[in-house]
């Protein structure tokens, strides 16, 4: 028994030491980059106060200014994001006192309304309660606040909707969700787990979800496909880690780049797999890949996405413009003495990669903190797997 207590005390001491280290590293970053946070004396006092709080409680609470800066820098540090030029514009909704699922569901709707902004999409993050010793923070199971259901048929031979979300769709139905009309674009409910609760489902209010009907600029047949996509890509299952504190429910969004929708969500063979459909409508020869029918269909599908968002007045970046802006971001950060990490496989667009300037260079892949992090159990929850529960 004595040995067990000693081991537990040693483990607790080790966790506290690591947390103090990460907290101090972040506090120094915050004071270095935000002059309004005070000089050396203010920094020393803040570090001492945080260390005392960690020793007493096993964690600490960020100030509002620290939290906002941490969230923005986490976006700045996101190696897979090409849109980081705008990192300082992130609106931070501090909801750290919220742990219950009902309030979180209401706040998710409010987040989407603020981010949608009538089509002029704004970068927004809503930060719910963090993990604390003996009290886990709440979780949002969905990969994004808005996703489309994937209904697997009873024989397992096909999916109506988005196959990526088939697991979570089935899980939501087991929780009692009756399902939508059964179209390929039924908005999934949110599956939210409060700090001391089991997962529950919540339908998103209609006025919180803006969708864009997709039409081709030249071809009338495109309207007959009934395609659409939602306007706000709000990631909701990544943990915001700031100074050693984990905020497991911190949905955040920028705005879409057209290729995310037209070249991935709608075109990938394990998603909506629309290239054969588009090629058939265009009358392309699909007998061999050498006709480049996939390439031609891919371009026309992406043209439809860009045209439709423009016609609807909804913010959407194109990959050529965003690639140039990313290089502007790199130049600005280098001028400030900061390195920019990037994952080439994510930064280079999924179509016409070599026609963009981000293709012709290499990147430092080192991850920096603060950060948005994918935890294994969060990925399992997004697949509707109960072993991913807290």
Protein backbone atom coordinates (compact mmCIF):
# COMPACT_ATOMS: atom_id res chain seq x y z
CA UNK A 1 0.00 0.00 0.00
CA UNK A 2 2.85 2.36 0.91
CA UNK A 3 4.58 1.59 -2.41
CA UNK A 4 1.36 2.25 -4.31
CA UNK A 5 0.98 5.64 -2.63
CA UNK A 6 4.59 6.49 -3.37
CA UNK A 7 4.18 5.56 -7.04
CA UNK A 8 1.01 7.64 -7.27
CA UNK A 9 2.76 10.61 -5.63
CA UNK A 10 5.71 10.25 -8.01
CA UNK A 11 3.43 10.13 -11.04
CA UNK A 12 1.53 13.20 -9.80
CA UNK A 13 4.79 15.06 -9.22
CA UNK A 14 5.96 14.17 -12.73
CA UNK A 15 2.69 15.42 -14.26
CA UNK A 16 2.95 18.65 -12.29
CA UNK A 17 6.55 19.17 -13.39
CA UNK A 18 5.61 18.67 -17.05
CA UNK A 19 2.62 20.96 -16.74
CA UNK A 20 4.68 23.68 -15.06
CA UNK A 21 7.23 23.44 -17.88
CA UNK A 22 4.61 23.73 -20.63
CA UNK A 23 2.78 26.51 -18.80
CA UNK A 24 5.94 28.57 -18.38
CA UNK A 25 6.91 28.06 -22.01
CA UNK A 26 3.50 29.33 -23.14
CA UNK A 27 3.43 32.24 -20.70
CA UNK A 28 6.82 33.40 -21.96
CA UNK A 29 5.54 33.18 -25.54
CA UNK A 30 2.42 35.17 -24.65
CA UNK A 31 4.38 37.92 -22.87
CA UNK A 32 6.91 38.07 -25.69
CA UNK A 33 4.28 38.47 -28.42
CA UNK A 34 1.69 40.55 -26.53
CA UNK A 35 3.31 43.62 -24.95
CA UNK A 36 0.08 44.51 -23.17
CA UNK A 37 0.59 41.48 -20.93
CA UNK A 38 3.31 43.36 -19.04
CA UNK A 39 7.06 43.34 -18.56
CA UNK A 40 9.47 40.91 -16.83
CA UNK A 41 8.05 41.53 -13.36
CA UNK A 42 4.50 40.78 -14.51
CA UNK A 43 5.71 37.61 -16.25
CA UNK A 44 7.58 36.40 -13.15
CA UNK A 45 4.54 37.05 -10.98
CA UNK A 46 2.25 35.22 -13.39
CA UNK A 47 4.56 32.18 -13.58
CA UNK A 48 4.75 32.03 -9.77
CA UNK A 49 0.95 32.23 -9.48
CA UNK A 50 0.44 29.50 -12.08
CA UNK A 51 2.97 27.19 -10.39
CA UNK A 52 1.22 27.66 -7.06
CA UNK A 53 -2.15 26.91 -8.70
CA UNK A 54 -0.76 23.73 -10.29
CA UNK A 55 0.67 22.56 -6.96
CA UNK A 56 -2.68 23.17 -5.25
CA UNK A 57 -5.09 21.84 -7.88
CA UNK A 58 -3.13 19.90 -10.50
CA UNK A 59 -4.03 22.41 -13.21
CA UNK A 60 -4.45 26.15 -13.79
CA UNK A 61 -6.82 28.57 -15.47
CA UNK A 62 -5.75 30.79 -18.36
CA UNK A 63 -6.68 34.44 -18.35
CA UNK A 64 -9.01 35.50 -21.16
CA UNK A 65 -6.11 37.16 -22.95
CA UNK A 66 -3.92 34.06 -22.63
CA UNK A 67 -6.69 31.83 -23.91
CA UNK A 68 -7.36 34.04 -26.93
CA UNK A 69 -3.68 34.25 -27.83
CA UNK A 70 -3.22 30.51 -27.34
CA UNK A 71 -6.12 29.72 -29.68
CA UNK A 72 -4.83 32.06 -32.37
CA UNK A 73 -1.29 30.74 -32.16
CA UNK A 74 -2.62 27.17 -32.35
CA UNK A 75 -4.11 28.13 -35.71
CA UNK A 76 -0.83 29.79 -36.70
CA UNK A 77 0.95 26.53 -35.84
CA UNK A 78 -1.42 24.27 -37.82
CA UNK A 79 0.92 22.59 -40.30
CA UNK A 80 -1.92 21.28 -42.43
CA UNK A 81 -3.73 24.61 -42.90
CA UNK A 82 -3.02 26.75 -45.95
CA UNK A 83 -5.19 29.66 -44.71
CA UNK A 84 -3.09 30.80 -41.76
CA UNK A 85 -2.49 34.30 -43.08
CA UNK A 86 -5.62 35.30 -41.16
CA UNK A 87 -4.70 33.79 -37.78
CA UNK A 88 -5.01 37.05 -35.86
CA UNK A 89 -8.61 37.52 -37.06
CA UNK A 90 -9.88 34.48 -35.12
CA UNK A 91 -12.86 35.39 -32.92
CA UNK A 92 -12.63 33.63 -29.55
CA UNK A 93 -15.83 32.68 -27.72
CA UNK A 94 -14.81 31.84 -24.15
CA UNK A 95 -17.29 29.28 -22.83
CA UNK A 96 -14.99 27.52 -20.35
CA UNK A 97 -17.70 27.39 -17.70
CA UNK A 98 -19.92 25.23 -19.93
CA UNK A 99 -19.78 21.49 -19.28
CA UNK A 100 -23.34 20.30 -19.94
CA UNK A 101 -24.50 18.97 -23.29
CA UNK A 102 -27.67 21.07 -23.59
CA UNK A 103 -25.83 24.38 -23.27
CA UNK A 104 -23.07 23.15 -25.58
CA UNK A 105 -25.64 22.32 -28.26
CA UNK A 106 -27.12 25.81 -28.01
CA UNK A 107 -23.63 27.35 -28.16
CA UNK A 108 -22.77 25.27 -31.24
CA UNK A 109 -25.74 26.82 -33.03
CA UNK A 110 -24.67 30.29 -31.88
CA UNK A 111 -21.13 29.58 -33.11
CA UNK A 112 -22.40 28.66 -36.58
CA UNK A 113 -24.60 31.74 -36.81
CA UNK A 114 -21.73 34.05 -35.84
CA UNK A 115 -19.33 32.30 -38.22
CA UNK A 116 -21.81 32.28 -41.12
CA UNK A 117 -22.40 36.04 -40.92
CA UNK A 118 -24.84 36.07 -43.83
CA UNK A 119 -22.32 34.33 -46.07
CA UNK A 120 -19.30 36.51 -45.24
CA UNK A 121 -17.68 33.71 -43.25
CA UNK A 122 -15.75 34.69 -40.12
CA UNK A 123 -13.09 32.57 -38.36
CA UNK A 124 -14.51 31.62 -34.95
CA UNK A 125 -13.60 29.30 -32.09
CA UNK A 126 -15.80 28.35 -29.14
CA UNK A 127 -13.84 26.96 -26.20
CA UNK A 128 -15.64 24.79 -23.66
CA UNK A 129 -14.41 23.49 -20.30
CA UNK A 130 -10.94 21.90 -20.21
CA UNK A 131 -9.89 18.55 -18.84
CA UNK A 132 -9.00 18.75 -15.15
CA UNK A 133 -7.78 16.17 -12.61
CA UNK A 134 -10.71 13.88 -11.88
CA UNK A 135 -13.06 15.86 -14.13
CA UNK A 136 -12.80 15.40 -17.90
CA UNK A 137 -13.97 18.18 -20.14
CA UNK A 138 -16.98 17.67 -22.41
CA UNK A 139 -16.64 16.13 -25.87
CA UNK A 140 -18.23 16.66 -29.26
CA UNK A 141 -18.15 13.37 -31.15
CA UNK A 142 -18.71 14.85 -34.61
CA UNK A 143 -15.70 15.55 -36.79
CA UNK A 144 -17.29 18.88 -37.79
CA UNK A 145 -20.31 20.73 -36.42
CA UNK A 146 -21.97 20.29 -39.82
CA UNK A 147 -21.60 16.99 -41.62
CA UNK A 148 -23.93 14.90 -43.77
CA UNK A 149 -25.31 11.55 -42.68
CA UNK A 150 -24.24 8.31 -44.29
CA UNK A 151 -26.95 5.63 -44.25
CA UNK A 152 -25.51 2.17 -44.83
CA UNK A 153 -27.95 -0.26 -46.42
CA UNK A 154 -28.78 -3.40 -44.50
CA UNK A 155 -26.63 -5.56 -46.77
CA UNK A 156 -23.51 -3.42 -46.36
CA UNK A 157 -23.20 -2.93 -50.10
CA UNK A 158 -23.66 0.83 -50.27
CA UNK A 159 -24.20 4.11 -48.43
CA UNK A 160 -26.67 6.90 -49.10
CA UNK A 161 -24.95 10.15 -48.22
CA UNK A 162 -21.41 10.52 -46.95
CA UNK A 163 -19.70 7.17 -46.26
CA UNK A 164 -17.21 8.93 -43.98
CA UNK A 165 -20.01 9.49 -41.47
CA UNK A 166 -21.70 6.11 -41.66
CA UNK A 167 -20.41 5.01 -38.24
CA UNK A 168 -21.52 8.13 -36.42
CA UNK A 169 -24.84 8.09 -38.28
CA UNK A 170 -25.54 4.57 -37.04
CA UNK A 171 -24.47 5.52 -33.52
CA UNK A 172 -26.75 8.59 -33.48
CA UNK A 173 -29.62 6.34 -34.56
CA UNK A 174 -28.83 3.97 -31.71
CA UNK A 175 -29.06 6.96 -29.38
CA UNK A 176 -32.57 7.63 -30.70
CA UNK A 177 -32.11 9.93 -33.68
CA UNK A 178 -34.89 8.99 -36.12
CA UNK A 179 -32.82 9.94 -39.14
CA UNK A 180 -33.52 12.53 -41.79
CA UNK A 181 -35.46 12.22 -45.05
CA UNK A 182 -32.85 9.81 -46.39
CA UNK A 183 -31.31 12.13 -48.95
CA UNK A 184 -27.58 12.22 -49.73
CA UNK A 185 -27.36 15.52 -47.82
CA UNK A 186 -29.18 15.06 -44.50
CA UNK A 187 -27.48 17.15 -41.82
CA UNK A 188 -26.20 14.94 -39.01
CA UNK A 189 -27.22 15.79 -35.45
CA UNK A 190 -24.52 16.69 -32.98
CA UNK A 191 -23.48 13.93 -30.60
CA UNK A 192 -22.34 15.66 -27.41
CA UNK A 193 -21.04 14.18 -24.17
CA UNK A 194 -21.11 16.40 -21.10
CA UNK A 195 -18.41 16.11 -18.43
CA UNK A 196 -20.44 13.73 -16.25
CA UNK A 197 -22.87 12.44 -18.82
CA UNK A 198 -23.44 9.92 -21.55
CA UNK A 199 -23.49 10.94 -25.22
CA UNK A 200 -26.75 12.46 -26.47
CA UNK A 201 -27.88 13.71 -29.87
CA UNK A 202 -29.02 17.24 -30.72
CA UNK A 203 -30.46 18.43 -34.02
CA UNK A 204 -28.86 21.60 -35.35
CA UNK A 205 -31.37 24.45 -35.84
CA UNK A 206 -32.16 25.11 -39.48
CA UNK A 207 -31.14 28.76 -39.19
CA UNK A 208 -27.65 27.75 -38.01
CA UNK A 209 -26.76 25.79 -41.15
CA UNK A 210 -26.19 27.65 -44.39
CA UNK A 211 -25.99 25.42 -47.46
CA UNK A 212 -25.13 26.26 -51.05
CA UNK A 213 -26.86 24.55 -53.95
CA UNK A 214 -24.24 23.57 -56.53
CA UNK A 215 -24.77 24.52 -60.17
CA UNK A 216 -22.36 24.50 -63.10
CA UNK A 217 -21.85 27.86 -64.84
CA UNK A 218 -22.31 26.39 -68.33
CA UNK A 219 -24.24 23.12 -68.08
CA UNK A 220 -27.91 23.02 -67.02
CA UNK A 221 -27.81 19.26 -66.33
CA UNK A 222 -25.74 19.88 -63.20
CA UNK A 223 -28.80 21.17 -61.33
CA UNK A 224 -30.51 17.80 -61.79
CA UNK A 225 -27.88 16.15 -59.57
CA UNK A 226 -29.24 18.04 -56.54
CA UNK A 227 -25.80 18.66 -55.09
CA UNK A 228 -25.15 21.06 -52.22
CA UNK A 229 -22.61 21.70 -49.49
CA UNK A 230 -22.56 23.53 -46.19
CA UNK A 231 -20.79 26.88 -45.88
CA UNK A 232 -18.86 26.62 -42.59
CA UNK A 233 -16.15 23.97 -42.03
CA UNK A 234 -16.14 23.94 -38.21
CA UNK A 235 -13.73 21.27 -36.92
CA UNK A 236 -15.12 19.96 -33.63
CA UNK A 237 -13.18 16.86 -32.51
CA UNK A 238 -9.67 18.25 -32.16
CA UNK A 239 -8.22 19.15 -28.77
CA UNK A 240 -6.92 22.68 -28.30
CA UNK A 241 -3.74 22.33 -26.24
CA UNK A 242 -2.43 25.53 -24.68
CA UNK A 243 0.36 25.55 -22.12
CA UNK A 244 -0.25 21.96 -21.10
CA UNK A 245 -4.03 22.39 -20.66
CA UNK A 246 -6.29 20.37 -22.97
CA UNK A 247 -9.61 21.79 -24.17
CA UNK A 248 -11.18 18.71 -25.79
CA UNK A 249 -14.25 20.57 -27.09
CA UNK A 250 -13.14 23.68 -28.97
CA UNK A 251 -14.90 23.83 -32.37
CA UNK A 252 -13.20 26.25 -34.75
CA UNK A 253 -13.56 27.32 -38.36
CA UNK A 254 -12.05 29.34 -41.12
CA UNK A 255 -13.70 29.10 -44.52
CA UNK A 256 -13.57 26.48 -47.23
CA UNK A 257 -11.12 26.30 -50.08
CA UNK A 258 -13.03 25.12 -53.15
CA UNK A 259 -10.92 22.01 -53.68
CA UNK A 260 -11.82 20.69 -50.21
CA UNK A 261 -15.37 20.31 -51.50
CA UNK A 262 -14.94 19.73 -55.23
CA UNK A 263 -11.79 17.62 -55.25
CA UNK A 264 -12.14 15.72 -51.97
CA UNK A 265 -15.57 15.63 -50.32
CA UNK A 266 -17.51 15.17 -53.54
CA UNK A 267 -14.86 13.40 -55.62
CA UNK A 268 -12.98 10.93 -53.40
CA UNK A 269 -13.91 7.32 -54.10
CA UNK A 270 -14.60 6.71 -50.40
CA UNK A 271 -16.78 9.82 -50.14
CA UNK A 272 -19.42 10.92 -52.71
CA UNK A 273 -17.46 9.47 -55.67
CA UNK A 274 -19.04 11.79 -58.24
CA UNK A 275 -16.41 11.81 -60.98
CA UNK A 276 -18.01 8.93 -62.96
CA UNK A 277 -21.40 10.66 -62.68
CA UNK A 278 -20.03 14.00 -63.91
CA UNK A 279 -18.07 12.31 -66.69
CA UNK A 280 -21.19 10.53 -67.93
CA UNK A 281 -23.13 13.80 -67.98
CA UNK A 282 -20.31 15.44 -69.92
CA UNK A 283 -20.26 12.59 -72.42
CA UNK A 284 -16.62 11.75 -71.74
CA UNK A 285 -14.91 8.55 -72.83
CA UNK A 286 -14.33 6.64 -69.58
CA UNK A 287 -13.03 3.45 -71.19
CA UNK A 288 -9.44 4.27 -70.25
CA UNK A 289 -7.69 6.63 -67.87
CA UNK A 290 -5.61 7.89 -70.80
CA UNK A 291 -8.53 10.03 -71.99
CA UNK A 292 -8.03 12.00 -68.76
CA UNK A 293 -11.74 11.84 -68.11
CA UNK A 294 -11.19 11.98 -64.35
CA UNK A 295 -9.12 15.14 -64.68
CA UNK A 296 -11.69 16.85 -66.90
CA UNK A 297 -14.58 15.86 -64.64
CA UNK A 298 -12.63 17.04 -61.59
CA UNK A 299 -12.06 20.50 -63.06
CA UNK A 300 -15.72 20.89 -64.03
CA UNK A 301 -16.89 19.78 -60.58
CA UNK A 302 -14.59 22.36 -58.97
CA UNK A 303 -15.80 25.04 -61.37
CA UNK A 304 -19.34 24.30 -60.21
CA UNK A 305 -18.35 24.71 -56.55
CA UNK A 306 -16.59 28.06 -57.10
CA UNK A 307 -19.38 29.38 -59.33
CA UNK A 308 -22.10 28.36 -56.88
CA UNK A 309 -20.51 29.88 -53.78
CA UNK A 310 -19.81 33.09 -55.69
CA UNK A 311 -23.39 33.24 -56.93
CA UNK A 312 -24.68 32.70 -53.37
CA UNK A 313 -22.37 35.37 -51.94
CA UNK A 314 -20.64 32.90 -49.62
CA UNK A 315 -16.93 33.15 -48.83
CA UNK A 316 -14.87 30.50 -50.60
CA UNK A 317 -11.16 30.56 -51.45
CA UNK A 318 -9.71 29.18 -54.66
CA UNK A 319 -6.50 27.18 -54.51
CA UNK A 320 -4.42 29.51 -56.69
CA UNK A 321 -5.18 32.60 -54.60
CA UNK A 322 -4.82 30.79 -51.29
CA UNK A 323 -1.45 29.35 -52.31
CA UNK A 324 -0.12 32.85 -53.00
CA UNK A 325 -1.51 34.07 -49.69
CA UNK A 326 0.21 31.24 -47.84
CA UNK A 327 3.57 32.38 -49.19
CA UNK A 328 2.71 35.88 -47.99
CA UNK A 329 2.07 34.37 -44.55
CA UNK A 330 5.47 32.67 -44.60
CA UNK A 331 7.20 35.94 -45.54
CA UNK A 332 5.42 37.85 -42.79
CA UNK A 333 6.27 35.27 -40.16
CA UNK A 334 9.90 35.14 -41.23
CA UNK A 335 10.06 38.95 -40.97
CA UNK A 336 8.97 38.53 -37.34
CA UNK A 337 11.61 35.90 -36.68
CA UNK A 338 9.15 33.00 -36.53
CA UNK A 339 9.44 29.72 -38.39
CA UNK A 340 6.46 28.32 -40.29
CA UNK A 341 5.87 24.60 -40.19
CA UNK A 342 3.88 22.94 -42.96
CA UNK A 343 2.89 19.51 -44.23
CA UNK A 344 3.53 19.55 -48.00
CA UNK A 345 0.94 16.83 -48.65
CA UNK A 346 -1.79 19.05 -47.14
CA UNK A 347 -0.59 22.48 -48.25
CA UNK A 348 -0.35 21.56 -51.93
CA UNK A 349 -3.88 21.59 -53.43
CA UNK A 350 -5.39 18.28 -54.60
CA UNK A 351 -5.73 19.57 -58.17
CA UNK A 352 -3.26 21.54 -60.30
CA UNK A 353 -0.66 21.32 -57.54
CA UNK A 354 2.33 22.14 -59.74
CA UNK A 355 0.49 25.20 -61.09
CA UNK A 356 0.57 26.77 -57.62
CA UNK A 357 3.65 28.31 -55.97
CA UNK A 358 3.39 26.17 -52.82
CA UNK A 359 4.31 23.07 -54.84
CA UNK A 360 7.84 24.13 -55.72
CA UNK A 361 9.40 24.19 -52.27
CA UNK A 362 9.99 22.11 -49.15
CA UNK A 363 8.74 22.79 -45.63
CA UNK A 364 9.82 22.23 -42.05
CA UNK A 365 7.38 19.66 -40.62
CA UNK A 366 8.23 20.30 -36.95
CA UNK A 367 5.08 20.67 -34.84
CA UNK A 368 4.87 23.66 -32.50
CA UNK A 369 2.70 24.47 -29.48
CA UNK A 370 0.04 25.70 -28.76
CA UNK A 371 -1.67 23.31 -31.17
CA UNK A 372 -4.85 21.66 -32.33
CA UNK A 373 -4.32 17.94 -31.79
CA UNK A 374 -6.12 14.81 -33.00
CA UNK A 375 -6.30 12.29 -30.17
CA UNK A 376 -6.84 8.63 -31.02
CA UNK A 377 -9.98 8.35 -28.89
CA UNK A 378 -11.49 11.43 -30.56
CA UNK A 379 -10.99 9.87 -33.98
CA UNK A 380 -12.70 6.71 -32.69
CA UNK A 381 -15.67 8.74 -31.42
CA UNK A 382 -16.04 10.42 -34.82
CA UNK A 383 -16.44 6.91 -36.27
CA UNK A 384 -19.19 6.20 -33.73
CA UNK A 385 -17.10 3.74 -31.73
CA UNK A 386 -18.11 3.53 -28.08
CA UNK A 387 -14.62 2.52 -26.98
CA UNK A 388 -13.74 6.13 -27.73
CA UNK A 389 -15.85 7.30 -24.80
CA UNK A 390 -14.22 9.17 -21.91
